[in-house]
Amino acid sequence: MVISYFDPGTKLIYAVGAVVGLIGGVKVYSKFSSGDPDTSKTAAYPHALEKGR
């Protein structure tokens, strides 16, 4: 029963990871293209960094 869901579940996780990666890449590219050299905050979990403040 569980084995029948494993392959589609794996593909779904890969698809979600690809979309998240593309969105993150576009955010970093747009920030770097606008002239801001500090893209580390955008690339490294921006919401996690804001909670620590």
PDB file of N, CA and C in Angstrom:
ATOM      1  N   MET A   1       0.824  -1.191   0.000  1.00  0.00           N
ATOM      2  CA  MET A   1       0.000   0.000   0.000  1.00  0.00           C
ATOM      3  C   MET A   1       0.872   1.261   0.000  1.00  0.00           C
ATOM      4  N   VAL A   2       1.793   1.354   0.928  1.00  0.00           N
ATOM      5  CA  VAL A   2       2.655   2.530   1.005  1.00  0.00           C
ATOM      6  C   VAL A   2       3.595   2.591  -0.191  1.00  0.00           C
ATOM      7  N   ILE A   3       4.044   1.448  -0.661  1.00  0.00           N
ATOM      8  CA  ILE A   3       4.978   1.414  -1.783  1.00  0.00           C
ATOM      9  C   ILE A   3       4.345   2.007  -3.038  1.00  0.00           C
ATOM     10  N   SER A   4       3.062   1.870  -3.213  1.00  0.00           N
ATOM     11  CA  SER A   4       2.410   2.414  -4.407  1.00  0.00           C
ATOM     12  C   SER A   4       2.398   3.947  -4.404  1.00  0.00           C
ATOM     13  N   TYR A   5       2.524   4.570  -3.239  1.00  0.00           N
ATOM     14  CA  TYR A   5       2.558   6.030  -3.155  1.00  0.00           C
ATOM     15  C   TYR A   5       3.975   6.590  -3.152  1.00  0.00           C
ATOM     16  N   PHE A   6       4.969   5.741  -3.034  1.00  0.00           N
ATOM     17  CA  PHE A   6       6.337   6.220  -2.883  1.00  0.00           C
ATOM     18  C   PHE A   6       6.846   6.933  -4.133  1.00  0.00           C
ATOM     19  N   ASP A   7       6.680   6.332  -5.302  1.00  0.00           N
ATOM     20  CA  ASP A   7       7.194   6.931  -6.541  1.00  0.00           C
ATOM     21  C   ASP A   7       6.492   8.248  -6.877  1.00  0.00           C
ATOM     22  N   PRO A   8       5.158   8.319  -6.847  1.00  0.00           N
ATOM     23  CA  PRO A   8       4.520   9.616  -7.100  1.00  0.00           C
ATOM     24  C   PRO A   8       4.868  10.662  -6.029  1.00  0.00           C
ATOM     25  N   GLY A   9       5.005  10.214  -4.788  1.00  0.00           N
ATOM     26  CA  GLY A   9       5.375  11.146  -3.719  1.00  0.00           C
ATOM     27  C   GLY A   9       6.764  11.710  -3.911  1.00  0.00           C
ATOM     28  N   THR A  10       7.680  10.856  -4.359  1.00  0.00           N
ATOM     29  CA  THR A  10       9.041  11.313  -4.627  1.00  0.00           C
ATOM     30  C   THR A  10       9.051  12.335  -5.754  1.00  0.00           C
ATOM     31  N   LYS A  11       8.303  12.077  -6.793  1.00  0.00           N
ATOM     32  CA  LYS A  11       8.230  13.026  -7.912  1.00  0.00           C
ATOM     33  C   LYS A  11       7.602  14.344  -7.485  1.00  0.00           C
ATOM     34  N   LEU A  12       6.610  14.274  -6.608  1.00  0.00           N
ATOM     35  CA  LEU A  12       5.978  15.493  -6.107  1.00  0.00           C
ATOM     36  C   LEU A  12       6.959  16.323  -5.287  1.00  0.00           C
ATOM     37  N   ILE A  13       7.730  15.677  -4.437  1.00  0.00           N
ATOM     38  CA  ILE A  13       8.720  16.392  -3.627  1.00  0.00           C
ATOM     39  C   ILE A  13       9.788  17.026  -4.510  1.00  0.00           C
ATOM     40  N   TYR A  14      10.228  16.302  -5.544  1.00  0.00           N
ATOM     41  CA  TYR A  14      11.195  16.870  -6.489  1.00  0.00           C
ATOM     42  C   TYR A  14      10.607  18.080  -7.214  1.00  0.00           C
ATOM     43  N   ALA A  15       9.353  18.008  -7.594  1.00  0.00           N
ATOM     44  CA  ALA A  15       8.713  19.121  -8.288  1.00  0.00           C
ATOM     45  C   ALA A  15       8.599  20.343  -7.383  1.00  0.00           C
ATOM     46  N   VAL A  16       8.206  20.121  -6.139  1.00  0.00           N
ATOM     47  CA  VAL A  16       8.104  21.231  -5.180  1.00  0.00           C
ATOM     48  C   VAL A  16       9.478  21.847  -4.940  1.00  0.00           C
ATOM     49  N   GLY A  17      10.499  21.012  -4.795  1.00  0.00           N
ATOM     50  CA  GLY A  17      11.859  21.525  -4.608  1.00  0.00           C
ATOM     51  C   GLY A  17      12.343  22.318  -5.803  1.00  0.00           C
ATOM     52  N   ALA A  18      11.991  21.872  -7.002  1.00  0.00           N
ATOM     53  CA  ALA A  18      12.396  22.606  -8.204  1.00  0.00           C
ATOM     54  C   ALA A  18      11.729  23.971  -8.269  1.00  0.00           C
ATOM     55  N   VAL A  19      10.453  24.032  -7.923  1.00  0.00           N
ATOM     56  CA  VAL A  19       9.744  25.316  -7.946  1.00  0.00           C
ATOM     57  C   VAL A  19      10.312  26.265  -6.899  1.00  0.00           C
ATOM     58  N   VAL A  20      10.564  25.757  -5.707  1.00  0.00           N
ATOM     59  CA  VAL A  20      11.143  26.595  -4.643  1.00  0.00           C
ATOM     60  C   VAL A  20      12.535  27.085  -5.056  1.00  0.00           C
ATOM     61  N   GLY A  21      13.324  26.213  -5.671  1.00  0.00           N
ATOM     62  CA  GLY A  21      14.651  26.607  -6.140  1.00  0.00           C
ATOM     63  C   GLY A  21      14.599  27.663  -7.223  1.00  0.00           C
ATOM     64  N   LEU A  22      13.667  27.533  -8.141  1.00  0.00           N
ATOM     65  CA  LEU A  22      13.531  28.539  -9.202  1.00  0.00           C
ATOM     66  C   LEU A  22      13.093  29.893  -8.641  1.00  0.00           C
ATOM     67  N   ILE A  23      12.167  29.870  -7.716  1.00  0.00           N
ATOM     68  CA  ILE A  23      11.709  31.126  -7.105  1.00  0.00           C
ATOM     69  C   ILE A  23      12.860  31.793  -6.355  1.00  0.00           C
ATOM     70  N   GLY A  24      13.614  31.007  -5.601  1.00  0.00           N
ATOM     71  CA  GLY A  24      14.768  31.561  -4.885  1.00  0.00           C
ATOM     72  C   GLY A  24      15.822  32.103  -5.828  1.00  0.00           C
ATOM     73  N   GLY A  25      16.069  31.394  -6.915  1.00  0.00           N
ATOM     74  CA  GLY A  25      17.040  31.864  -7.900  1.00  0.00           C
ATOM     75  C   GLY A  25      16.623  33.169  -8.547  1.00  0.00           C
ATOM     76  N   VAL A  26      15.344  33.303  -8.842  1.00  0.00           N
ATOM     77  CA  VAL A  26      14.845  34.549  -9.436  1.00  0.00           C
ATOM     78  C   VAL A  26      14.963  35.696  -8.446  1.00  0.00           C
ATOM     79  N   LYS A  27      14.682  35.437  -7.169  1.00  0.00           N
ATOM     80  CA  LYS A  27      14.809  36.496  -6.157  1.00  0.00           C
ATOM     81  C   LYS A  27      16.248  36.977  -6.029  1.00  0.00           C
ATOM     82  N   VAL A  28      17.188  36.036  -5.976  1.00  0.00           N
ATOM     83  CA  VAL A  28      18.600  36.405  -5.849  1.00  0.00           C
ATOM     84  C   VAL A  28      19.072  37.117  -7.104  1.00  0.00           C
ATOM     85  N   TYR A  29      18.675  36.632  -8.276  1.00  0.00           N
ATOM     86  CA  TYR A  29      19.078  37.272  -9.527  1.00  0.00           C
ATOM     87  C   TYR A  29      18.547  38.700  -9.621  1.00  0.00           C
ATOM     88  N   SER A  30      17.284  38.894  -9.253  1.00  0.00           N
ATOM     89  CA  SER A  30      16.721  40.238  -9.344  1.00  0.00           C
ATOM     90  C   SER A  30      17.383  41.187  -8.354  1.00  0.00           C
ATOM     91  N   LYS A  31      17.705  40.699  -7.170  1.00  0.00           N
ATOM     92  CA  LYS A  31      18.372  41.555  -6.189  1.00  0.00           C
ATOM     93  C   LYS A  31      19.786  41.900  -6.648  1.00  0.00           C
ATOM     94  N   PHE A  32      20.498  40.917  -7.185  1.00  0.00           N
ATOM     95  CA  PHE A  32      21.861  41.168  -7.655  1.00  0.00           C
ATOM     96  C   PHE A  32      21.848  42.080  -8.876  1.00  0.00           C
ATOM     97  N   SER A  33      20.868  41.924  -9.746  1.00  0.00           N
ATOM     98  CA  SER A  33      20.779  42.766 -10.948  1.00  0.00           C
ATOM     99  C   SER A  33      20.437  44.203 -10.606  1.00  0.00           C
ATOM    100  N   SER A  34      19.753  44.426  -9.494  1.00  0.00           N
ATOM    101  CA  SER A  34      19.403  45.791  -9.107  1.00  0.00           C
ATOM    102  C   SER A  34      20.577  46.530  -8.476  1.00  0.00           C
ATOM    103  N   GLY A  35      21.698  45.850  -8.289  1.00  0.00           N
ATOM    104  CA  GLY A  35      22.892  46.517  -7.793  1.00  0.00           C
ATOM    105  C   GLY A  35      23.237  46.221  -6.351  1.00  0.00           C
ATOM    106  N   ASP A  36      22.443  45.430  -5.666  1.00  0.00           N
ATOM    107  CA  ASP A  36      22.722  45.102  -4.270  1.00  0.00           C
ATOM    108  C   ASP A  36      23.645  43.884  -4.222  1.00  0.00           C
ATOM    109  N   PRO A  37      24.890  44.050  -3.786  1.00  0.00           N
ATOM    110  CA  PRO A  37      25.818  42.915  -3.790  1.00  0.00           C
ATOM    111  C   PRO A  37      25.581  41.927  -2.646  1.00  0.00           C
ATOM    112  N   ASP A  38      24.809  42.318  -1.637  1.00  0.00           N
ATOM    113  CA  ASP A  38      24.582  41.448  -0.485  1.00  0.00           C
ATOM    114  C   ASP A  38      23.343  40.593  -0.719  1.00  0.00           C
ATOM    115  N   THR A  39      23.523  39.492  -1.431  1.00  0.00           N
ATOM    116  CA  THR A  39      22.400  38.604  -1.717  1.00  0.00           C
ATOM    117  C   THR A  39      22.305  37.472  -0.709  1.00  0.00           C
ATOM    118  N   SER A  40      23.207  37.441   0.268  1.00  0.00           N
ATOM    119  CA  SER A  40      23.202  36.334   1.227  1.00  0.00           C
ATOM    120  C   SER A  40      21.940  36.325   2.079  1.00  0.00           C
ATOM    121  N   LYS A  41      21.396  37.502   2.396  1.00  0.00           N
ATOM    122  CA  LYS A  41      20.167  37.549   3.178  1.00  0.00           C
ATOM    123  C   LYS A  41      18.987  37.015   2.383  1.00  0.00           C
ATOM    124  N   THR A  42      18.975  37.271   1.096  1.00  0.00           N
ATOM    125  CA  THR A  42      17.890  36.774   0.254  1.00  0.00           C
ATOM    126  C   THR A  42      18.026  35.280   0.044  1.00  0.00           C
ATOM    127  N   ALA A  43      19.248  34.793  -0.093  1.00  0.00           N
ATOM    128  CA  ALA A  43      19.467  33.387  -0.405  1.00  0.00           C
ATOM    129  C   ALA A  43      19.286  32.491   0.814  1.00  0.00           C
ATOM    130  N   ALA A  44      19.477  33.023   2.010  1.00  0.00           N
ATOM    131  CA  ALA A  44      19.495  32.174   3.202  1.00  0.00           C
ATOM    132  C   ALA A  44      18.296  32.441   4.097  1.00  0.00           C
ATOM    133  N   TYR A  45      17.161  31.885   3.750  1.00  0.00           N
ATOM    134  CA  TYR A  45      15.972  31.894   4.597  1.00  0.00           C
ATOM    135  C   TYR A  45      15.668  33.280   5.180  1.00  0.00           C
ATOM    136  N   PRO A  46      15.164  34.198   4.391  1.00  0.00           N
ATOM    137  CA  PRO A  46      14.941  35.563   4.895  1.00  0.00           C
ATOM    138  C   PRO A  46      13.965  35.631   6.054  1.00  0.00           C
ATOM    139  N   HIS A  47      12.972  34.762   6.096  1.00  0.00           N
ATOM    140  CA  HIS A  47      12.008  34.822   7.199  1.00  0.00           C
ATOM    141  C   HIS A  47      12.606  34.313   8.492  1.00  0.00           C
ATOM    142  N   ALA A  48      13.543  33.371   8.414  1.00  0.00           N
ATOM    143  CA  ALA A  48      14.186  32.849   9.612  1.00  0.00           C
ATOM    144  C   ALA A  48      15.108  33.906  10.222  1.00  0.00           C
ATOM    145  N   LEU A  49      15.734  34.710   9.372  1.00  0.00           N
ATOM    146  CA  LEU A  49      16.611  35.749   9.881  1.00  0.00           C
ATOM    147  C   LEU A  49      15.825  36.871  10.541  1.00  0.00           C
ATOM    148  N   GLU A  50      14.635  37.192  10.030  1.00  0.00           N
ATOM    149  CA  GLU A  50      13.836  38.263  10.606  1.00  0.00           C
ATOM    150  C   GLU A  50      13.282  37.890  11.975  1.00  0.00           C
ATOM    151  N   LYS A  51      13.019  36.622  12.226  1.00  0.00           N
ATOM    152  CA  LYS A  51      12.470  36.208  13.513  1.00  0.00           C
ATOM    153  C   LYS A  51      13.489  36.375  14.639  1.00  0.00           C
ATOM    154  N   GLY A  52      14.766  36.336  14.308  1.00  0.00           N
ATOM    155  CA  GLY A  52      15.793  36.459  15.330  1.00  0.00           C
ATOM    156  C   GLY A  52      16.029  37.873  15.780  1.00  0.00           C
ATOM    157  N   ARG A  53      15.440  38.835  15.108  1.00  0.00           N
ATOM    158  CA  ARG A  53      15.666  40.243  15.456  1.00  0.00           C
ATOM    159  C   ARG A  53      14.809  40.686  16.598  1.00  0.00           C
TER     160      ARG A  53
END
